[in-house]
Structures are given as structure tokens and as C-alpha cells.
């Protein structure tokens, strides 16, 4: 800012003395841009008529379009005026549009006040992908924030399906050692099936869950994420303060670190409702105000229907799970939690598996295949290879190398299976890793490597004995050899 006295001198020298702008700037020791600015603020100092600009004829049209369509981009407006005869450049047009565009109006919000134990806010957030085996799975964070104390609960899942959604609630309630009276979330399908303005149809499974834990589910208005601003800010806080630059070995390791962070660093920050308290101290004060946990747990499952094909496998969540052969070509029900998958036929559990979070994996219960082998002996080779791949992952590269060498895969697979029964998984894994370093090898090399490892560990070579009963031994007859043949050879 310059003084009024200096402004008067600029106008006097320019208007009365008829000095050029550069001369006025040099005389007063200021920059020429200051002189131009002062003269622009005093239009009466100009002796020249205002120059007509290329944009002038199009200003009413542009103002109308920007009023009707506030989010219209400058690039689109430029195309529209070019079609109507505008001949100016696009870069200068953008500069003019910034001046013509009406000032953005911001919505005013009111601060929402809640009581202790009254409300918690819930949300999902995506945190990229996580490697599982040979594939990748999306990594999602489930967050629940107590609205009064701002205590955060954080747990990671590899899916946002109903089972994981409810499991996140249960784990949060156990972490809080109580249940808030109402839960606020957006209109995700796990909670809201259908909505028309203020009329909401909640997911039946979610309503049953809410009844069991005695809380009131509430959904934000459509596209009004600010209504659950506490959990929205918590998501940003988790990204910056917890997840950024963090290393972890597995999902379990990540969740263990998340629990330590929620109780430690996240709990040490200042509480908004009570600035004299930390979040952890405010949380301890809020705990007694929460509803008591029910005595029994709510059964949590993701349910689906699957059709078993001509093989004894049912596909669920991009993996194949074995079922008994009698259920081939039948429709089964699935009850899946974050750790287990159950297959049911007419309300009867026919197969239970540990859930795999990989993709394209084949999860086999050997008993299911054994039942089929009783009736189909021709499947013996495929059954042997299948067992090897499930029990001994290093068997795959070994058999692939044997095939490249032109070896007999069927015989090799059976011999390898016999070695597995004799030496066990751990010893066979070490032996195969040693043998695979060679250029050419066979099952005999694996036996030699396994025996060498066993000898180094001080274990004796096992003798395979096939004893026979005394009654069978008495029935054995020994034929006396004819020694005359050897006399002839000696002559």
C-alpha cells in the first residue's frame, strides 16, 4: 500500500505535467506497475477511450452459462464461444473467466453436540492392496469413533462384505467394553438396502444385529458426508499418522499394530469436547455411559449360494473348496466368516474349511478325495499329484523339471508321495530345495539329500519291517536247491 500523498503526486505528474508512466516512476522512485495501478484506480486520469476487448460481446452469454451451470469448466466454455465466433487465445480466455466467474458460496455448518455414550460414527476406507500368496487383495480399514471422547477403533479387512462389516462392529464393542446408543454411517449396502429421501429400508441382517446389541442405526443424508465428520477426520488421521510408511508382515501383524496405536498414540491426543483431558482419559470417563454388552455373541456370517460342478469342488470368493462327492451338481449354502467357510446342504454342514484370502487356490480336505477314490481307481495319479501340491508346494517345480527332462511323471509322483510318507513335509521340503539347485536330478537324489539331512541331525536310518504271523511262518515250505547244476559249471 502507498500513501494518499504519493497517489496524488502520481496523478498530478501524469495528468497536469503530461509525463509518461516510466518518467513518473523514475521521478518518484517507485516501480512502473505501481503507477499503472494508481492510474487504473483513477479512470478520470486516462486521456484514451476504453479499448474494446474480444471477449466483450460474449460476456452476457458466459455469465448466463456460469449461472445455470456453476461447475462448467473453462475449457468447455472456450469451445462454446469459439463456435460462436470468438477468435482469442485459450490461455488468456482462462484468465478472463477467473475474473467473470461469480464468487463461490460456501455452506455454513453448525457444530453437532453429543452426550457421553450417545453416538459413534462408522466408516470404511480403502488402503490400497496387500499381497496374499501369489496374488493381491484390496485392503480396507474399518473405523468406529466415539463422538464424544473421539476414541478410535481401527481394524483392517480384505473385504467389505457383510460378515466383515459386522465383525468390525463386534470387535469395536469389545474394545470399547460397551455399545453406543446410536451408530451413524453412510448409505452403504451392508446397512441400507433402499432409500427414498427420508424413507430408509435397512438391511434385515443389520437390523437383527442392531436389535441384539440394542443400538439405533442411523444413516446420513445422501452425499452429506459432513454429517459424520468425526470419522471422516479420523480416516485422514489414520492415513497420515498410522499407515504412512508403516511396514507389516501380515494382516494379523497390521491389526496388532493398529490396536497398539489406538490405545497409545491416538489416545494421547487432546480431547475436543474436554480440552483438559486426553482422548484416553475422556474415553475412560465415557466407558460407564455405554450400554452393557449382551451375554451371548451374535452369529456373524456372509451368506451365499454356490453350485457344485462335476468335480467335488465349490467355488467361493475366487477359490475352490472341496466337498464330499455325493454333493456334486447340487446347490449348497455358504456361511463364511473372516476365518472360516462352511458349506451346508438342507441346513446340514457338509464341509468346513479355513478361509483362504488368496485367489485361484484349491483348498482340499483329503477325506473328500479318498471317498471318491474308493470308486474310481483311475483317478489315483491325479489324486497323488493333488495331494503333493497341497501338502508339499515345492513338489510342483520338481515335477515340472522332471517333465522338461522327459521323465515319467506318474512314476515320479508316486515315488515322491512315498518319500513324503517316509520323511515328512519339513524334511522333504529341505531336500527338494537342495536337489533343485542341480542341473539334472531324480527322486533318488531327494532320498540321498533327505538321508544326509537326517544323519546330520543324529537320526538313524529307519528299517522297513514287514513281520508275518507265526501261523503263516509254519506254513512256509523251503525248496531244497539242486546243487548238480553248480558241479556242471565247475567242470
Protein backbone atom coordinates (compact mmCIF):
# COMPACT_ATOMS: atom_id res chain seq x y z
CA UNK A 1 0.00 0.00 0.00
CA UNK A 2 1.17 3.54 -0.77
CA UNK A 3 0.13 6.75 0.93
CA UNK A 4 -2.59 9.05 -0.37
CA UNK A 5 0.00 11.79 -0.75
CA UNK A 6 2.05 9.64 -3.14
CA UNK A 7 -1.08 8.76 -5.13
CA UNK A 8 -1.84 12.48 -5.53
CA UNK A 9 1.71 13.16 -6.81
CA UNK A 10 1.38 10.33 -9.37
CA UNK A 11 -1.91 11.73 -10.69
CA UNK A 12 -0.53 15.29 -10.71
CA UNK A 13 2.60 14.42 -12.70
CA UNK A 14 0.71 12.26 -15.16
CA UNK A 15 -2.35 14.47 -15.65
CA UNK A 16 -1.01 18.02 -15.32
CA UNK A 17 2.64 17.64 -16.34
CA UNK A 18 1.82 15.10 -19.08
CA UNK A 19 4.79 12.92 -18.06
CA UNK A 20 4.96 9.32 -19.33
CA UNK A 21 4.42 6.50 -16.85
CA UNK A 22 8.11 5.47 -16.87
CA UNK A 23 9.22 9.04 -16.17
CA UNK A 24 6.74 9.37 -13.29
CA UNK A 25 8.06 6.11 -11.78
CA UNK A 26 11.69 7.25 -12.03
CA UNK A 27 10.90 10.67 -10.60
CA UNK A 28 9.16 9.22 -7.55
CA UNK A 29 11.47 6.20 -7.12
CA UNK A 30 8.75 3.57 -7.48
CA UNK A 31 8.01 0.71 -9.86
CA UNK A 32 6.07 1.48 -13.02
CA UNK A 33 3.46 -1.16 -12.08
CA UNK A 34 2.56 0.95 -9.01
CA UNK A 35 1.98 3.96 -11.25
CA UNK A 36 -0.24 1.92 -13.59
CA UNK A 37 -2.26 0.55 -10.67
CA UNK A 38 -2.91 4.03 -9.26
CA UNK A 39 -3.96 5.34 -12.68
CA UNK A 40 -6.33 2.35 -13.15
CA UNK A 41 -7.96 3.23 -9.83
CA UNK A 42 -8.49 6.77 -11.13
CA UNK A 43 -10.17 6.34 -14.54
CA UNK A 44 -10.50 10.11 -14.99
CA UNK A 45 -6.73 10.34 -15.44
CA UNK A 46 -6.86 8.46 -18.72
CA UNK A 47 -6.98 10.53 -21.89
CA UNK A 48 -7.60 7.50 -24.09
CA UNK A 49 -11.00 5.86 -24.70
CA UNK A 50 -11.52 2.40 -23.24
CA UNK A 51 -10.43 -0.27 -25.75
CA UNK A 52 -12.99 -2.80 -26.86
CA UNK A 53 -11.96 -6.39 -25.96
CA UNK A 54 -12.61 -9.55 -27.99
CA UNK A 55 -14.44 -11.10 -25.04
CA UNK A 56 -16.90 -8.21 -24.55
CA UNK A 57 -19.67 -9.43 -26.94
CA UNK A 58 -19.66 -12.86 -25.25
CA UNK A 59 -19.75 -11.75 -21.61
CA UNK A 60 -23.58 -11.89 -21.24
CA UNK A 61 -23.61 -15.40 -22.74
CA UNK A 62 -20.78 -16.58 -20.46
CA UNK A 63 -22.40 -15.13 -17.35
CA UNK A 64 -25.67 -16.88 -18.18
CA UNK A 65 -23.95 -20.24 -18.69
CA UNK A 66 -21.95 -19.97 -15.47
CA UNK A 67 -25.07 -19.05 -13.53
CA UNK A 68 -27.03 -22.02 -14.90
CA UNK A 69 -24.10 -24.46 -14.73
CA UNK A 70 -21.73 -23.36 -11.93
CA UNK A 71 -19.37 -26.33 -12.42
CA UNK A 72 -18.84 -25.79 -16.17
CA UNK A 73 -15.10 -25.88 -16.94
CA UNK A 74 -13.27 -23.03 -18.71
CA UNK A 75 -12.21 -25.46 -21.49
CA UNK A 76 -15.86 -26.19 -22.30
CA UNK A 77 -16.81 -22.51 -22.18
CA UNK A 78 -13.95 -21.77 -24.58
CA UNK A 79 -15.30 -24.34 -27.06
CA UNK A 80 -18.75 -22.78 -26.82
CA UNK A 81 -17.60 -19.21 -27.57
CA UNK A 82 -15.28 -20.39 -30.38
CA UNK A 83 -18.32 -21.97 -32.04
CA UNK A 84 -19.94 -18.51 -31.80
CA UNK A 85 -17.05 -16.66 -33.41
CA UNK A 86 -14.55 -15.88 -30.61
CA UNK A 87 -11.02 -15.58 -32.01
CA UNK A 88 -8.95 -15.05 -28.85
CA UNK A 89 -6.43 -17.44 -27.29
CA UNK A 90 -7.35 -20.12 -24.78
CA UNK A 91 -4.82 -19.16 -22.08
CA UNK A 92 -5.99 -15.53 -21.96
CA UNK A 93 -9.60 -16.75 -22.05
CA UNK A 94 -9.00 -18.78 -18.87
CA UNK A 95 -7.61 -15.64 -17.18
CA UNK A 96 -10.74 -13.69 -18.14
CA UNK A 97 -13.07 -16.47 -16.96
CA UNK A 98 -11.49 -16.40 -13.49
CA UNK A 99 -12.49 -12.74 -13.25
CA UNK A 100 -16.00 -13.28 -14.65
CA UNK A 101 -16.85 -16.36 -12.62
CA UNK A 102 -19.07 -15.49 -9.63
CA UNK A 103 -17.58 -15.91 -6.19
CA UNK A 104 -18.17 -19.36 -4.77
CA UNK A 105 -20.70 -19.55 -1.97
CA UNK A 106 -19.74 -21.80 0.93
CA UNK A 107 -22.26 -23.60 3.08
CA UNK A 108 -22.27 -22.78 6.79
CA UNK A 109 -22.34 -25.73 9.18
CA UNK A 110 -23.38 -25.95 12.80
CA UNK A 111 -21.39 -27.81 15.43
CA UNK A 112 -23.10 -31.05 16.50
CA UNK A 113 -23.07 -31.65 20.23
CA UNK A 114 -23.47 -35.18 21.60
CA UNK A 115 -23.62 -36.62 25.08
CA UNK A 116 -21.27 -39.18 26.57
CA UNK A 117 -22.03 -42.67 25.30
CA UNK A 118 -24.70 -41.37 22.94
CA UNK A 119 -23.17 -41.84 19.49
CA UNK A 120 -20.41 -43.49 17.46
CA UNK A 121 -19.66 -42.97 13.77
CA UNK A 122 -18.70 -45.79 11.39
CA UNK A 123 -16.94 -45.84 8.02
CA UNK A 124 -14.85 -47.93 5.60
CA UNK A 125 -11.67 -46.65 3.92
CA UNK A 126 -9.55 -48.23 1.18
CA UNK A 127 -5.80 -48.52 1.84
CA UNK A 128 -4.56 -49.96 -1.46
CA UNK A 129 -3.72 -53.63 -1.88
CA UNK A 130 -1.96 -56.32 0.11
CA UNK A 131 -0.06 -59.33 -1.27
CA UNK A 132 -1.55 -62.69 -0.28
CA UNK A 133 0.36 -65.68 -1.64
CA UNK A 134 0.77 -65.18 -5.39
CA UNK A 135 -1.98 -62.60 -5.71
CA UNK A 136 -3.13 -59.27 -4.28
CA UNK A 137 -6.21 -58.41 -2.27
CA UNK A 138 -7.69 -54.97 -1.57
CA UNK A 139 -7.01 -53.73 1.96
CA UNK A 140 -9.88 -52.00 3.77
CA UNK A 141 -9.91 -50.27 7.15
CA UNK A 142 -13.00 -50.41 9.38
CA UNK A 143 -13.22 -47.41 11.72
CA UNK A 144 -15.56 -46.64 14.59
CA UNK A 145 -15.15 -43.37 16.51
CA UNK A 146 -16.93 -42.44 19.74
CA UNK A 147 -18.37 -39.00 19.03
CA UNK A 148 -17.79 -37.53 22.49
CA UNK A 149 -14.35 -38.77 23.51
CA UNK A 150 -13.09 -39.28 19.88
CA UNK A 151 -11.64 -42.67 20.82
CA UNK A 152 -10.80 -44.53 17.59
CA UNK A 153 -11.19 -48.23 16.88
CA UNK A 154 -9.29 -49.44 13.79
CA UNK A 155 -9.19 -52.88 12.17
CA UNK A 156 -8.16 -53.98 8.67
CA UNK A 157 -10.00 -56.50 6.48
CA UNK A 158 -9.59 -57.81 2.93
CA UNK A 159 -13.26 -57.42 2.11
CA UNK A 160 -16.19 -55.11 2.90
CA UNK A 161 -18.71 -57.97 2.83
CA UNK A 162 -21.45 -58.28 5.45
CA UNK A 163 -19.51 -60.71 7.64
CA UNK A 164 -16.50 -58.36 7.89
CA UNK A 165 -18.78 -55.36 8.45
CA UNK A 166 -20.50 -56.98 11.43
CA UNK A 167 -17.24 -58.46 12.76
CA UNK A 168 -15.79 -54.95 12.82
CA UNK A 169 -18.74 -53.81 14.97
CA UNK A 170 -18.34 -56.69 17.41
CA UNK A 171 -14.58 -56.14 17.79
CA UNK A 172 -15.17 -52.40 18.30
CA UNK A 173 -17.77 -53.03 21.01
CA UNK A 174 -15.38 -55.37 22.79
CA UNK A 175 -12.60 -52.77 22.52
CA UNK A 176 -14.90 -50.10 23.98
CA UNK A 177 -16.30 -52.65 26.52
CA UNK A 178 -19.74 -51.29 25.71
CA UNK A 179 -22.17 -50.22 22.97
CA UNK A 180 -23.09 -46.63 21.98
CA UNK A 181 -26.80 -45.89 21.88
CA UNK A 182 -26.75 -44.97 18.18
CA UNK A 183 -24.43 -45.61 15.25
CA UNK A 184 -24.14 -43.14 12.37
CA UNK A 185 -22.90 -44.31 8.95
CA UNK A 186 -23.42 -43.54 5.28
CA UNK A 187 -25.74 -45.41 2.91
CA UNK A 188 -23.54 -48.45 2.23
CA UNK A 189 -25.34 -51.62 1.06
CA UNK A 190 -24.39 -53.58 4.18
CA UNK A 191 -26.63 -51.25 6.18
CA UNK A 192 -29.11 -49.58 3.79
CA UNK A 193 -30.89 -51.61 1.10
CA UNK A 194 -33.01 -48.80 -0.33
CA UNK A 195 -33.62 -45.13 0.35
CA UNK A 196 -36.11 -42.52 -0.88
CA UNK A 197 -35.39 -39.15 0.73
CA UNK A 198 -36.07 -39.68 4.47
CA UNK A 199 -37.59 -43.16 3.99
CA UNK A 200 -34.91 -45.78 4.68
CA UNK A 201 -35.06 -49.56 4.28
CA UNK A 202 -32.29 -51.10 6.37
CA UNK A 203 -30.65 -54.45 5.70
CA UNK A 204 -32.60 -57.10 7.65
CA UNK A 205 -29.46 -58.82 8.89
CA UNK A 206 -28.10 -55.47 10.12
CA UNK A 207 -31.39 -54.67 11.88
CA UNK A 208 -31.29 -58.05 13.67
CA UNK A 209 -27.71 -57.31 14.68
CA UNK A 210 -28.71 -53.85 15.98
CA UNK A 211 -31.58 -55.38 17.97
CA UNK A 212 -29.22 -57.91 19.55
CA UNK A 213 -26.81 -55.17 20.69
CA UNK A 214 -29.62 -52.65 21.43
CA UNK A 215 -28.32 -49.70 19.39
CA UNK A 216 -30.18 -47.46 16.94
CA UNK A 217 -28.79 -47.45 13.35
CA UNK A 218 -28.86 -44.05 11.63
CA UNK A 219 -27.88 -43.19 8.06
CA UNK A 220 -26.57 -39.83 6.87
CA UNK A 221 -28.41 -37.93 4.18
CA UNK A 222 -27.31 -38.73 0.63
CA UNK A 223 -24.00 -37.06 -0.32
CA UNK A 224 -23.73 -35.46 3.12
CA UNK A 225 -20.52 -36.98 4.46
CA UNK A 226 -20.03 -33.91 6.67
CA UNK A 227 -22.73 -35.30 8.98
CA UNK A 228 -20.21 -37.91 10.12
CA UNK A 229 -17.25 -35.57 10.15
CA UNK A 230 -15.64 -37.15 13.21
CA UNK A 231 -14.96 -40.47 11.50
CA UNK A 232 -14.07 -38.72 8.20
CA UNK A 233 -11.33 -36.79 10.01
CA UNK A 234 -10.26 -39.99 11.75
CA UNK A 235 -9.72 -41.65 8.34
CA UNK A 236 -7.39 -38.84 7.31
CA UNK A 237 -5.63 -39.02 10.69
CA UNK A 238 -5.09 -42.80 10.27
CA UNK A 239 -3.63 -42.33 6.78
CA UNK A 240 -1.15 -39.66 7.90
CA UNK A 241 -0.28 -40.73 11.44
CA UNK A 242 -0.55 -44.53 11.37
CA UNK A 243 -0.42 -46.09 7.90
CA UNK A 244 2.08 -43.82 6.12
CA UNK A 245 5.47 -45.55 5.89
CA UNK A 246 4.39 -48.49 8.08
CA UNK A 247 5.77 -51.98 7.49
CA UNK A 248 3.94 -55.19 8.42
CA UNK A 249 4.36 -58.91 7.72
CA UNK A 250 0.73 -59.99 7.60
CA UNK A 251 -2.82 -58.81 8.20
CA UNK A 252 -2.65 -60.05 11.80
CA UNK A 253 0.58 -58.11 12.37
CA UNK A 254 -1.01 -54.95 10.91
CA UNK A 255 -4.06 -55.26 13.16
CA UNK A 256 -1.91 -55.83 16.24
CA UNK A 257 -0.03 -52.61 15.44
CA UNK A 258 -3.35 -50.82 14.85
CA UNK A 259 -4.64 -51.85 18.30
CA UNK A 260 -1.45 -50.61 19.96
CA UNK A 261 -1.74 -47.31 18.07
CA UNK A 262 -5.41 -46.80 19.06
CA UNK A 263 -4.58 -47.28 22.74
CA UNK A 264 -1.30 -45.36 22.60
CA UNK A 265 -0.62 -42.53 20.17
CA UNK A 266 -4.25 -41.97 19.13
CA UNK A 267 -5.32 -41.91 22.78
CA UNK A 268 -2.68 -39.37 23.81
CA UNK A 269 -4.01 -36.50 21.69
CA UNK A 270 -6.15 -33.75 23.21
CA UNK A 271 -9.91 -34.32 23.51
CA UNK A 272 -12.05 -31.78 21.60
CA UNK A 273 -15.02 -31.94 23.99
CA UNK A 274 -12.83 -31.61 27.10
CA UNK A 275 -9.51 -29.91 26.19
CA UNK A 276 -8.09 -30.56 29.67
CA UNK A 277 -8.39 -34.33 29.03
CA UNK A 278 -6.57 -36.57 26.59
CA UNK A 279 -8.72 -38.81 24.40
CA UNK A 280 -7.75 -41.79 26.55
CA UNK A 281 -8.80 -40.00 29.76
CA UNK A 282 -12.08 -38.87 28.17
CA UNK A 283 -12.67 -42.43 26.96
CA UNK A 284 -12.27 -43.80 30.49
CA UNK A 285 -14.83 -41.23 31.61
CA UNK A 286 -17.23 -42.24 28.81
CA UNK A 287 -16.97 -46.02 29.30
CA UNK A 288 -19.56 -46.25 32.13
CA UNK A 289 -22.09 -44.37 29.98
CA UNK A 290 -22.04 -47.02 27.23
CA UNK A 291 -24.63 -49.80 27.07
CA UNK A 292 -23.63 -53.15 28.55
CA UNK A 293 -22.54 -55.89 26.14
CA UNK A 294 -25.04 -58.76 25.71
CA UNK A 295 -24.26 -62.10 27.35
CA UNK A 296 -24.17 -64.05 24.07
CA UNK A 297 -22.47 -63.23 20.77
CA UNK A 298 -24.40 -62.65 17.55
CA UNK A 299 -23.64 -65.27 14.83
CA UNK A 300 -21.72 -63.45 12.11
CA UNK A 301 -21.65 -64.85 8.58
CA UNK A 302 -21.58 -63.82 4.96
CA UNK A 303 -24.20 -66.00 3.27
CA UNK A 304 -24.30 -67.10 -0.38
CA UNK A 305 -25.48 -69.92 -2.66
CA UNK A 306 -22.99 -71.91 -4.76
CA UNK A 307 -23.45 -74.63 -7.38
CA UNK A 308 -21.06 -77.60 -7.25
CA UNK A 309 -19.89 -78.68 -10.71
CA UNK A 310 -18.88 -82.12 -11.95
CA UNK A 311 -15.82 -82.17 -9.68
CA UNK A 312 -16.09 -82.21 -5.89
CA UNK A 313 -15.24 -78.51 -5.52
CA UNK A 314 -17.42 -75.48 -4.75
CA UNK A 315 -16.17 -72.03 -5.79
CA UNK A 316 -16.49 -69.23 -3.24
CA UNK A 317 -14.76 -65.85 -3.27
CA UNK A 318 -12.45 -66.81 -6.18
CA UNK A 319 -11.19 -70.02 -4.51
CA UNK A 320 -12.19 -73.69 -4.82
CA UNK A 321 -13.12 -75.63 -1.66
CA UNK A 322 -13.59 -79.41 -1.63
CA UNK A 323 -16.90 -81.03 -0.59
CA UNK A 324 -17.94 -84.71 -0.33
CA UNK A 325 -18.54 -86.36 -3.71
CA UNK A 326 -22.22 -87.02 -3.01
CA UNK A 327 -22.94 -83.27 -3.37
CA UNK A 328 -21.62 -82.98 -6.94
CA UNK A 329 -24.01 -80.92 -9.18
CA UNK A 330 -26.02 -79.78 -6.17
CA UNK A 331 -26.62 -76.29 -4.78
CA UNK A 332 -25.07 -75.60 -1.39
CA UNK A 333 -25.41 -72.72 1.07
CA UNK A 334 -22.30 -70.93 2.28
CA UNK A 335 -21.72 -69.39 5.70
CA UNK A 336 -18.42 -67.53 5.70
CA UNK A 337 -16.72 -65.56 8.44
CA UNK A 338 -13.37 -63.80 8.17
CA UNK A 339 -11.60 -67.01 9.26
CA UNK A 340 -13.86 -69.95 8.29
CA UNK A 341 -16.08 -71.18 5.44
CA UNK A 342 -18.94 -73.65 5.97
CA UNK A 343 -20.92 -75.40 3.21
CA UNK A 344 -24.45 -76.56 4.06
CA UNK A 345 -26.98 -78.77 2.30
CA UNK A 346 -30.53 -78.53 3.67
CA UNK A 347 -29.30 -76.84 6.87
CA UNK A 348 -26.70 -79.58 7.44
CA UNK A 349 -23.00 -78.68 7.49
CA UNK A 350 -21.25 -80.92 4.95
CA UNK A 351 -17.79 -79.28 4.83
CA UNK A 352 -15.83 -76.80 6.95
CA UNK A 353 -12.65 -75.06 5.75
CA UNK A 354 -10.22 -72.45 6.98
CA UNK A 355 -10.88 -69.42 4.79
CA UNK A 356 -8.30 -68.51 2.18
CA UNK A 357 -7.88 -64.87 1.18
CA UNK A 358 -5.83 -65.71 -1.90
CA UNK A 359 -7.17 -66.11 -5.44
CA UNK A 360 -7.39 -69.24 -7.58
CA UNK A 361 -6.37 -71.52 -4.69
CA UNK A 362 -7.58 -75.08 -4.27
CA UNK A 363 -8.36 -75.97 -0.64
CA UNK A 364 -8.66 -79.74 -0.20
CA UNK A 365 -9.75 -81.98 2.66
CA UNK A 366 -8.05 -85.32 1.80
CA UNK A 367 -11.00 -87.32 3.14
CA UNK A 368 -13.24 -85.89 0.39
CA UNK A 369 -10.91 -87.17 -2.32
CA UNK A 370 -10.40 -90.54 -0.56
CA UNK A 371 -14.15 -91.23 -0.69
CA UNK A 372 -14.12 -90.77 -4.46
CA UNK A 373 -11.01 -92.94 -4.91
CA UNK A 374 -12.82 -95.90 -3.40
CA UNK A 375 -15.00 -95.95 -6.50
CA UNK A 376 -12.64 -94.52 -9.15
CA UNK A 377 -9.17 -96.01 -9.03
CA UNK A 378 -8.25 -94.36 -12.36
CA UNK A 379 -8.03 -91.03 -10.52
CA UNK A 380 -5.07 -92.29 -8.49
CA UNK A 381 -2.45 -90.33 -10.37
CA UNK A 382 -4.33 -87.01 -10.28
CA UNK A 383 -5.15 -87.63 -6.60
CA UNK A 384 -1.45 -88.23 -5.83
CA UNK A 385 -0.34 -85.06 -7.62
CA UNK A 386 -3.14 -83.09 -5.96
CA UNK A 387 -2.02 -84.26 -2.52
CA UNK A 388 1.59 -83.39 -3.30
CA UNK A 389 0.75 -79.84 -4.41
CA UNK A 390 -1.38 -79.24 -1.30
CA UNK A 391 0.97 -80.82 1.27
CA UNK A 392 4.32 -80.11 -0.41
CA UNK A 393 4.35 -76.87 -2.50
CA UNK A 394 7.97 -77.47 -3.63
CA UNK A 395 6.80 -80.63 -5.45
CA UNK A 396 5.42 -78.52 -8.32
CA UNK A 397 8.77 -77.09 -9.56
CA UNK A 398 10.37 -80.54 -9.08
CA UNK A 399 7.75 -82.30 -11.26
CA UNK A 400 7.92 -79.50 -13.84
CA UNK A 401 11.68 -80.06 -14.11
CA UNK A 402 11.18 -83.83 -14.44
CA UNK A 403 8.71 -83.21 -17.27
CA UNK A 404 11.27 -80.95 -19.01
CA UNK A 405 13.86 -83.74 -18.73
CA UNK A 406 11.38 -86.18 -20.34
CA UNK A 407 10.90 -88.28 -17.19
CA UNK A 408 7.91 -90.45 -16.20
CA UNK A 409 5.63 -88.10 -14.27
CA UNK A 410 3.28 -90.80 -12.99
CA UNK A 411 6.06 -92.95 -11.50
CA UNK A 412 7.90 -89.90 -10.17
CA UNK A 413 4.76 -88.60 -8.45
CA UNK A 414 4.12 -91.95 -6.72
CA UNK A 415 7.74 -92.26 -5.60
CA UNK A 416 7.68 -88.69 -4.35
CA UNK A 417 4.50 -89.43 -2.41
CA UNK A 418 6.18 -92.48 -0.80
CA UNK A 419 9.12 -90.29 0.21
CA UNK A 420 6.71 -87.79 1.72
CA UNK A 421 5.14 -90.50 3.89
CA UNK A 422 8.60 -91.68 4.96
CA UNK A 423 10.42 -88.41 5.64
CA UNK A 424 7.64 -85.92 6.38
CA UNK A 425 6.89 -82.46 5.00
CA UNK A 426 9.67 -80.48 6.70
CA UNK A 427 12.50 -82.84 5.72
CA UNK A 428 11.20 -83.27 2.17
CA UNK A 429 10.93 -79.50 1.67
CA UNK A 430 14.60 -79.04 2.64
CA UNK A 431 15.71 -81.98 0.48
CA UNK A 432 13.86 -80.75 -2.64
CA UNK A 433 15.29 -77.24 -2.24
CA UNK A 434 18.81 -78.75 -2.22
CA UNK A 435 18.16 -81.01 -5.24
CA UNK A 436 16.58 -78.27 -7.34
CA UNK A 437 19.94 -76.47 -7.41
CA UNK A 438 21.36 -79.28 -9.57
CA UNK A 439 21.11 -79.41 -13.35
CA UNK A 440 19.69 -82.93 -13.53
CA UNK A 441 18.09 -84.96 -10.76
CA UNK A 442 15.58 -87.65 -9.81
CA UNK A 443 13.70 -88.95 -6.76
CA UNK A 444 16.84 -90.89 -5.75
CA UNK A 445 18.67 -87.57 -5.30
CA UNK A 446 15.88 -86.44 -2.96
CA UNK A 447 16.23 -89.64 -0.89
CA UNK A 448 20.02 -89.14 -0.64
CA UNK A 449 19.60 -85.49 0.38
CA UNK A 450 16.95 -86.41 2.96
CA UNK A 451 19.15 -89.13 4.44
CA UNK A 452 22.08 -86.73 4.63
CA UNK A 453 19.98 -84.15 6.48
CA UNK A 454 18.66 -86.85 8.80
CA UNK A 455 22.21 -88.08 9.53
CA UNK A 456 23.38 -84.54 10.30
CA UNK A 457 20.58 -84.27 12.87
CA UNK A 458 21.65 -87.54 14.51
CA UNK A 459 18.67 -89.61 13.44
CA UNK A 460 19.12 -93.26 12.48
CA UNK A 461 18.03 -94.76 9.18
CA UNK A 462 14.60 -96.41 9.64
CA UNK A 463 14.32 -100.09 8.77
CA UNK A 464 11.14 -101.08 7.00
CA UNK A 465 9.96 -104.37 8.57
CA UNK A 466 7.08 -106.50 7.34
CA UNK A 467 6.65 -109.15 10.06
CA UNK A 468 4.47 -112.20 9.40
CA UNK A 469 2.45 -114.17 11.91
CA UNK A 470 3.73 -117.45 13.45
CA UNK A 471 0.97 -119.49 11.81
CA UNK A 472 1.95 -118.24 8.34
CA UNK A 473 5.62 -118.89 9.11
CA UNK A 474 4.88 -122.56 9.90
CA UNK A 475 3.13 -122.94 6.57
CA UNK A 476 6.18 -121.81 4.57
CA UNK A 477 7.94 -124.57 2.62
CA UNK A 478 11.57 -124.22 1.57
CA UNK A 479 12.60 -125.97 -1.66
CA UNK A 480 15.98 -127.61 -1.48
CA UNK A 481 18.16 -126.38 -4.37
CA UNK A 482 19.69 -128.80 -6.86
CA UNK A 483 23.46 -128.43 -6.47
CA UNK A 484 24.23 -130.63 -9.51
CA UNK A 485 23.96 -127.55 -11.75
CA UNK A 486 26.93 -125.96 -9.98
CA UNK A 487 29.01 -129.17 -10.42
CA UNK A 488 28.49 -128.95 -14.18
CA UNK A 489 29.63 -125.31 -14.23
CA UNK A 490 32.81 -126.32 -12.38
CA UNK A 491 33.85 -128.94 -14.91
